[in-house]
Amino acid sequence: MQKKQLGRTDLAVTSLCLGTMTWGSQNTEAEGHAQIEMAADRGINFMDTAEMYPVAPVLEETVGDTEAIIGNWFEKTGRRNDWVLATKIGGAGGKARGGAAISAGEIRQCVENSLRRLKTDVIDIYQLHWPNRGSYAFRQNWSYDPSAQNRNETIEHMQDVLGELAKQVEAGKLRYIGLSNESAWGMSTWSRVADEMGVPRMATIQNEYSLLYREFDTDAAEASLNEDIPLLAYSPLATGLLTGKYQGGAIPEGSRGTRNPGLGGRLTDRALAAVEAYAEVARAHGLSLVQMSLAFCVSRPFMGAAIIGATSTAQLEEVLSADGLELSEDCLKDIAAVHKAHPQPY
C-alpha cells in the first residue's frame, strides 16, 4: 500500500486509515485486535481513535475503552512503532469528563489518560473532537447558527489551547495536533493564531465526507488547501449507506441501523435514491459501490486519508479492496452528474 506525506508533517501515511469507534461496543477486544492485524497485513499504517469511543452507543461508563483495547494490542505485540496513531479529546457537552469543555487544564489530564490507556509514550496526532463554540457537524448543518459566538472569547480560547498543546509537543508527548468537526473560518483562525504565537499549527482536520455529504467541497476545501491542513474523512461510506445494505428499507441485523433508527437523520428517501444512482454508476464501471465510494474520497485534492470502519473482518476485507483503485474520467463525470441531481441528500 502506497504512503504519502501528511500535510506539513513528517508522517508518511496510507490513504486508508483504520477506524476503531465500535471496538468495545459492537466489537469485542479480540475482534478489534483481529482488525488491526488484518489491516497491518495489508499494509495500512494509520489508526484513528478517540477518548470518548466506543460509540453506538456512547456511554459515560465506556469512555476510553477503545483506547484501552488498542493499548492492549500494542502491549501484547510490541508493534506500536508500526502505526501512526491519532486520538482526540472530547469537547463540551460530551460524555467524557462530565461534559467538560476543552481547555489547557483538561488537555493536560486527557493527554495523560490517553497515553496510559494506549500504553504508549507519544501520540502522533492529537485532535480536538469538536469546537467549544459549537459545530455544524453531526447533522446540525440544517439549524447551525453562529450568531451568539463571541470572537474575542474564541481567540482567547485558541491561545489557551495552543499554548498547552505546544507544551505537550515540546515534552514529547504529542507529535502533531489536529482539528475535527471544524469550519473553514475555524481552520484559518487556528492557523493565524498559531503563527502569531509562534507555536505548532494544526496539522490535520477530521470532518465527515462522502459521496452523500460533500459539505467540505467549497470553503473548507479552500482553507484546507491554502493552510495545508489535509482532511481525514470520517464516514466515507456514509455510516453504511454507501454499502447499499439499507436499500429497500432493509435494516440488517447487527447493523448501526438497529441501534440508531434513521442513522442520525441520514436514512431518508432522498438518501436512498442517491445511493441507488451511485450504485448504478458503480455497476456501469465494473466496481462495487464500496470501492467506488472510497476511491472517490481518496482522489480528492484535499484528502489526507479516508477513515474506514468495519464491524467484521469480512467487511474490512471488502473495504480494503478499494486500495490503489483509480477512477476513470468517465466514472468521475458520471459521479459529478449524480451529485448535481442528488445534492446533499441528508
Protein backbone atom coordinates (compact mmCIF):
# COMPACT_ATOMS: atom_id res chain seq x y z
CA MET A 1 0.00 0.00 0.00
CA GLN A 2 1.43 3.35 -1.04
CA LYS A 3 2.09 6.06 1.54
CA LYS A 4 2.23 9.83 1.27
CA GLN A 5 3.39 12.64 3.48
CA LEU A 6 0.56 14.09 5.53
CA GLY A 7 0.46 17.85 5.00
CA ARG A 8 3.36 19.67 6.67
CA THR A 9 4.16 16.77 8.98
CA ASP A 10 6.89 14.18 8.54
CA LEU A 11 4.28 11.40 8.87
CA ALA A 12 4.01 9.03 5.90
CA VAL A 13 0.52 7.51 5.98
CA THR A 14 -1.61 5.21 3.88
CA SER A 15 -4.63 6.66 2.09
CA LEU A 16 -6.91 4.42 4.16
CA CYS A 17 -6.92 4.87 7.94
CA LEU A 18 -8.29 2.20 10.27
CA GLY A 19 -11.24 3.49 12.30
CA THR A 20 -11.91 1.99 15.73
CA MET A 21 -15.06 3.54 17.13
CA THR A 22 -17.05 0.28 17.51
CA TRP A 23 -14.39 -1.61 19.48
CA GLY A 24 -15.81 -2.18 22.93
CA SER A 25 -19.48 -1.92 21.92
CA GLN A 26 -20.30 -3.63 18.62
CA ASN A 27 -16.92 -5.36 18.60
CA THR A 28 -15.09 -7.29 21.30
CA GLU A 29 -11.43 -6.70 22.10
CA ALA A 30 -10.50 -9.87 20.19
CA GLU A 31 -12.39 -8.65 17.13
CA GLY A 32 -10.68 -5.25 17.32
CA HIS A 33 -7.29 -6.93 17.52
CA ALA A 34 -8.17 -9.12 14.51
CA GLN A 35 -8.99 -5.99 12.52
CA ILE A 36 -5.69 -4.34 13.47
CA GLU A 37 -3.80 -7.44 12.35
CA MET A 38 -5.68 -7.73 9.04
CA ALA A 39 -5.12 -4.05 8.26
CA ALA A 40 -1.44 -4.30 9.17
CA ASP A 41 -1.02 -7.36 6.99
CA ARG A 42 -2.48 -5.37 4.08
CA GLY A 43 -0.04 -2.51 4.66
CA ILE A 44 -2.21 0.03 6.49
CA ASN A 45 -0.17 2.05 8.99
CA PHE A 46 -2.65 4.70 10.19
CA MET A 47 -5.20 4.23 13.00
CA ASP A 48 -7.69 6.73 14.47
CA THR A 49 -9.46 6.59 17.81
CA ALA A 50 -10.85 8.97 20.45
CA GLU A 51 -11.19 9.45 24.18
CA MET A 52 -14.97 9.03 24.03
CA TYR A 53 -15.01 5.78 22.00
CA PRO A 54 -16.70 3.35 21.66
CA VAL A 55 -19.89 4.69 20.09
CA ALA A 56 -23.22 3.05 19.25
CA PRO A 57 -23.95 3.93 21.97
CA VAL A 58 -21.67 6.49 23.65
CA LEU A 59 -21.83 5.87 27.41
CA GLU A 60 -20.01 7.52 30.30
CA GLU A 61 -19.02 4.11 31.64
CA THR A 62 -17.35 3.02 28.39
CA VAL A 63 -15.39 6.22 27.68
CA GLY A 64 -11.78 5.23 26.96
CA ASP A 65 -12.48 1.54 26.35
CA THR A 66 -11.45 1.66 22.69
CA GLU A 67 -8.13 3.30 23.53
CA ALA A 68 -7.55 0.55 26.12
CA ILE A 69 -8.24 -2.16 23.52
CA ILE A 70 -5.64 -0.61 21.21
CA GLY A 71 -3.17 -0.25 24.06
CA ASN A 72 -3.57 -3.90 24.96
CA TRP A 73 -2.68 -4.86 21.38
CA PHE A 74 0.41 -2.66 21.45
CA GLU A 75 1.45 -4.24 24.75
CA LYS A 76 0.80 -7.76 23.52
CA THR A 77 2.58 -7.40 20.18
CA GLY A 78 5.20 -4.71 20.77
CA ARG A 79 4.20 -3.19 17.41
CA ARG A 80 3.41 0.39 18.43
CA ASN A 81 6.02 1.74 16.03
CA ASP A 82 4.25 0.11 13.06
CA TRP A 83 1.41 2.61 13.37
CA VAL A 84 0.73 6.32 13.02
CA LEU A 85 -1.73 6.80 15.88
CA ALA A 86 -4.35 9.56 16.15
CA THR A 87 -6.74 10.18 19.01
CA LYS A 88 -8.98 13.02 20.25
CA ILE A 89 -10.03 14.94 23.33
CA GLY A 90 -13.82 15.21 23.67
CA GLY A 91 -15.48 18.60 23.54
CA ALA A 92 -18.07 20.46 25.58
CA GLY A 93 -21.28 18.58 26.32
CA GLY A 94 -19.86 15.14 25.55
CA LYS A 95 -19.89 12.02 27.71
CA ALA A 96 -16.23 12.28 28.71
CA ARG A 97 -15.12 14.09 31.88
CA GLY A 98 -18.66 15.12 32.76
CA GLY A 99 -19.03 17.05 29.53
CA ALA A 100 -16.21 19.46 30.33
CA ALA A 101 -15.14 21.86 27.61
CA ILE A 102 -11.67 21.73 26.07
CA SER A 103 -9.15 23.85 27.98
CA ALA A 104 -5.46 23.83 28.87
CA GLY A 105 -6.17 22.02 32.14
CA GLU A 106 -8.38 19.40 30.51
CA ILE A 107 -5.76 18.77 27.82
CA ARG A 108 -3.05 18.13 30.43
CA GLN A 109 -5.15 15.47 32.13
CA CYS A 110 -6.59 13.96 28.95
CA VAL A 111 -3.22 13.52 27.28
CA GLU A 112 -2.01 11.58 30.34
CA ASN A 113 -5.18 9.45 30.35
CA SER A 114 -4.88 8.61 26.65
CA LEU A 115 -1.17 7.79 26.92
CA ARG A 116 -1.90 5.45 29.82
CA ARG A 117 -4.79 3.66 28.09
CA LEU A 118 -2.94 3.42 24.77
CA LYS A 119 0.19 2.16 26.55
CA THR A 120 2.40 4.48 24.55
CA ASP A 121 4.81 7.33 25.23
CA VAL A 122 3.63 9.55 22.38
CA ILE A 123 0.51 10.28 20.33
CA ASP A 124 1.23 11.08 16.70
CA ILE A 125 -1.83 13.32 16.08
CA TYR A 126 -3.88 14.73 18.96
CA GLN A 127 -7.19 16.20 17.78
CA LEU A 128 -9.89 18.42 19.27
CA HIS A 129 -13.04 16.34 18.69
CA TRP A 130 -15.30 19.37 18.16
CA PRO A 131 -15.04 23.10 18.92
CA ASN A 132 -16.20 24.52 22.24
CA ARG A 133 -18.12 27.19 20.35
CA GLY A 134 -20.22 24.59 18.51
CA SER A 135 -20.20 22.92 15.12
CA TYR A 136 -22.42 22.24 12.14
CA ALA A 137 -21.31 18.58 12.18
CA PHE A 138 -23.43 15.66 13.37
CA ARG A 139 -26.47 16.71 11.27
CA GLN A 140 -26.55 20.17 12.85
CA ASN A 141 -25.94 21.83 9.48
CA TRP A 142 -29.67 22.39 8.96
CA SER A 143 -30.02 24.59 12.04
CA TYR A 144 -26.48 25.85 12.69
CA ASP A 145 -26.44 29.42 13.99
CA PRO A 146 -23.08 31.00 14.94
CA SER A 147 -24.57 34.42 15.73
CA ALA A 148 -24.15 34.01 19.50
CA GLN A 149 -20.42 33.36 19.30
CA ASN A 150 -18.03 35.79 20.98
CA ARG A 151 -15.00 36.29 18.76
CA ASN A 152 -12.71 37.58 21.50
CA GLU A 153 -13.54 34.64 23.76
CA THR A 154 -12.89 32.23 20.89
CA ILE A 155 -9.47 33.76 20.18
CA GLU A 156 -8.55 33.65 23.88
CA HIS A 157 -9.61 30.00 23.99
CA MET A 158 -7.46 29.21 20.95
CA GLN A 159 -4.47 30.90 22.57
CA ASP A 160 -5.01 28.92 25.79
CA VAL A 161 -5.33 25.60 23.96
CA LEU A 162 -2.47 26.17 21.53
CA GLY A 163 -0.17 27.21 24.35
CA GLU A 164 -0.82 23.98 26.25
CA LEU A 165 -0.61 21.79 23.15
CA ALA A 166 2.76 23.39 22.35
CA LYS A 167 3.99 22.38 25.82
CA GLN A 168 2.80 18.81 25.24
CA VAL A 169 4.61 18.70 21.89
CA GLU A 170 7.77 20.12 23.47
CA ALA A 171 7.54 17.48 26.22
CA GLY A 172 7.48 14.77 23.55
CA LYS A 173 4.01 13.51 24.46
CA LEU A 174 2.42 14.69 21.20
CA ARG A 175 4.00 14.86 17.76
CA TYR A 176 1.31 16.88 15.94
CA ILE A 177 -2.08 18.40 16.68
CA GLY A 178 -5.28 18.50 14.69
CA LEU A 179 -8.88 19.62 14.44
CA SER A 180 -12.15 17.75 13.99
CA ASN A 181 -15.64 18.90 13.01
CA GLU A 182 -14.27 22.39 12.31
CA SER A 183 -15.30 25.08 9.85
CA ALA A 184 -13.33 26.98 7.22
CA TRP A 185 -13.17 30.03 9.49
CA GLY A 186 -12.00 27.84 12.34
CA MET A 187 -9.21 26.29 10.29
CA SER A 188 -7.94 29.65 9.12
CA THR A 189 -8.18 31.26 12.55
CA TRP A 190 -6.41 28.43 14.37
CA SER A 191 -3.63 28.76 11.76
CA ARG A 192 -3.34 32.54 12.15
CA VAL A 193 -3.32 32.43 15.95
CA ALA A 194 -0.66 29.68 15.97
CA ASP A 195 1.53 31.69 13.60
CA GLU A 196 1.15 34.82 15.77
CA MET A 197 2.11 32.82 18.87
CA GLY A 198 4.98 31.00 17.18
CA VAL A 199 3.62 27.58 18.21
CA PRO A 200 2.78 24.43 16.22
CA ARG A 201 -0.10 24.76 13.79
CA MET A 202 -3.00 22.38 13.43
CA ALA A 203 -1.74 19.69 11.04
CA THR A 204 -4.97 17.94 10.04
CA ILE A 205 -8.75 18.24 10.16
CA GLN A 206 -11.13 15.33 10.61
CA ASN A 207 -14.59 16.05 9.22
CA GLU A 208 -17.35 13.96 7.68
CA TYR A 209 -17.02 13.46 3.93
CA SER A 210 -18.56 11.05 1.44
CA LEU A 211 -20.38 10.95 -1.89
CA LEU A 212 -23.54 11.76 0.08
CA TYR A 213 -22.09 14.50 2.29
CA ARG A 214 -19.81 16.94 0.49
CA GLU A 215 -20.05 19.96 2.80
CA PHE A 216 -16.24 20.18 2.71
CA ASP A 217 -16.02 20.78 -1.06
CA THR A 218 -16.20 24.59 -1.09
CA ASP A 219 -14.94 26.98 1.62
CA ALA A 220 -13.44 24.24 3.81
CA ALA A 221 -11.57 22.77 0.84
CA GLU A 222 -10.16 26.20 0.03
CA ALA A 223 -8.99 26.68 3.62
CA SER A 224 -7.61 23.15 3.75
CA LEU A 225 -5.51 23.59 0.63
CA ASN A 226 -4.28 27.11 1.40
CA GLU A 227 -3.44 26.36 5.03
CA ASP A 228 -2.04 22.91 4.13
CA ILE A 229 -4.36 21.12 6.58
CA PRO A 230 -5.38 17.85 4.86
CA LEU A 231 -8.73 16.23 5.54
CA LEU A 232 -9.08 12.95 7.40
CA ALA A 233 -12.53 11.94 6.20
CA TYR A 234 -14.79 10.09 8.60
CA SER A 235 -17.90 8.21 7.44
CA PRO A 236 -16.64 7.88 3.83
CA LEU A 237 -19.31 5.19 3.39
CA ALA A 238 -22.00 7.44 4.93
CA THR A 239 -22.46 5.29 8.04
CA GLY A 240 -23.05 2.23 5.87
CA LEU A 241 -25.49 3.78 3.39
CA LEU A 242 -22.89 3.53 0.63
CA THR A 243 -22.59 -0.21 1.12
CA GLY A 244 -26.14 -0.49 -0.22
CA LYS A 245 -27.26 -2.60 2.73
CA TYR A 246 -30.11 -0.25 3.66
CA GLN A 247 -31.69 -0.17 0.20
CA GLY A 248 -35.36 -1.12 0.00
CA GLY A 249 -35.90 -0.23 3.64
CA ALA A 250 -33.71 -3.06 4.93
CA ILE A 251 -32.20 -2.79 8.41
CA PRO A 252 -29.72 -5.69 8.63
CA GLU A 253 -29.43 -7.44 11.98
CA GLY A 254 -26.44 -6.13 13.90
CA SER A 255 -26.08 -3.02 11.73
CA ARG A 256 -25.90 0.52 13.10
CA GLY A 257 -29.49 0.98 11.94
CA THR A 258 -30.71 -1.42 14.64
CA ARG A 259 -29.11 0.78 17.32
CA ASN A 260 -29.73 4.17 15.74
CA PRO A 261 -33.01 4.19 13.81
CA GLY A 262 -32.78 6.61 10.88
CA LEU A 263 -28.97 6.63 11.17
CA GLY A 264 -29.00 10.01 12.86
CA GLY A 265 -31.09 11.62 10.12
CA ARG A 266 -29.16 10.04 7.24
CA LEU A 267 -31.68 7.33 6.30
CA THR A 268 -34.06 9.35 4.14
CA ASP A 269 -35.86 8.63 0.89
CA ARG A 270 -33.63 11.23 -0.80
CA ALA A 271 -30.51 9.49 0.50
CA LEU A 272 -31.70 6.07 -0.65
CA ALA A 273 -32.42 7.47 -4.12
CA ALA A 274 -28.94 8.97 -4.27
CA VAL A 275 -27.36 5.69 -3.16
CA GLU A 276 -29.16 3.83 -5.96
CA ALA A 277 -27.98 6.39 -8.50
CA TYR A 278 -24.38 6.00 -7.35
CA ALA A 279 -24.78 2.20 -7.34
CA GLU A 280 -25.82 2.35 -10.99
CA VAL A 281 -22.64 4.29 -11.80
CA ALA A 282 -20.54 1.73 -9.95
CA ARG A 283 -22.17 -1.16 -11.80
CA ALA A 284 -21.68 0.57 -15.14
CA HIS A 285 -17.94 0.84 -14.47
CA GLY A 286 -17.48 -2.67 -13.11
CA LEU A 287 -16.98 -1.58 -9.50
CA SER A 288 -18.64 -2.27 -6.19
CA LEU A 289 -20.32 0.72 -4.57
CA VAL A 290 -17.89 0.46 -1.65
CA GLN A 291 -14.85 0.51 -3.95
CA MET A 292 -16.11 3.48 -5.94
CA SER A 293 -17.09 5.47 -2.83
CA LEU A 294 -13.70 5.06 -1.17
CA ALA A 295 -11.72 5.59 -4.37
CA PHE A 296 -13.60 8.85 -4.93
CA CYS A 297 -12.81 10.06 -1.40
CA VAL A 298 -9.09 9.39 -1.58
CA SER A 299 -8.87 11.04 -5.02
CA ARG A 300 -9.93 14.46 -3.70
CA PRO A 301 -7.11 17.04 -3.79
CA PHE A 302 -7.54 18.00 -0.12
CA MET A 303 -7.64 14.42 1.18
CA GLY A 304 -5.11 13.11 3.68
CA ALA A 305 -6.81 9.77 4.33
CA ALA A 306 -10.25 8.18 4.45
CA ILE A 307 -11.07 6.60 7.81
CA ILE A 308 -12.58 3.16 7.25
CA GLY A 309 -14.61 1.29 9.83
CA ALA A 310 -15.99 -2.22 9.91
CA THR A 311 -17.69 -4.47 12.42
CA SER A 312 -16.18 -7.68 10.99
CA THR A 313 -13.06 -8.79 9.19
CA ALA A 314 -15.26 -9.75 6.21
CA GLN A 315 -16.46 -6.14 5.94
CA LEU A 316 -12.91 -4.90 6.38
CA GLU A 317 -11.72 -7.16 3.57
CA GLU A 318 -14.25 -5.57 1.18
CA VAL A 319 -13.21 -2.08 2.25
CA LEU A 320 -9.53 -2.85 1.76
CA SER A 321 -10.26 -3.95 -1.81
CA ALA A 322 -10.51 -0.24 -2.71
CA ASP A 323 -6.82 0.28 -2.03
CA GLY A 324 -4.98 1.71 -5.02
CA LEU A 325 -8.08 1.93 -7.20
CA GLU A 326 -8.16 4.94 -9.54
CA LEU A 327 -11.43 6.03 -11.10
CA SER A 328 -11.61 6.75 -14.82
CA GLU A 329 -12.51 10.19 -16.15
CA ASP A 330 -15.80 8.76 -17.42
CA CYS A 331 -16.62 7.39 -13.97
CA LEU A 332 -15.81 10.75 -12.35
CA LYS A 333 -18.05 12.53 -14.87
CA ASP A 334 -20.89 10.15 -14.04
CA ILE A 335 -20.35 10.76 -10.32
CA ALA A 336 -20.48 14.53 -10.90
CA ALA A 337 -23.79 14.15 -12.74
CA VAL A 338 -25.31 12.19 -9.86
CA HIS A 339 -24.03 14.77 -7.37
CA LYS A 340 -25.80 17.55 -9.27
CA ALA A 341 -29.01 15.53 -9.44
CA HIS A 342 -28.89 14.48 -5.75
CA PRO A 343 -27.12 17.26 -3.80
CA GLN A 344 -26.79 16.97 -0.02
CA PRO A 345 -29.41 14.22 0.37
CA TYR A 346 -29.37 14.31 4.19
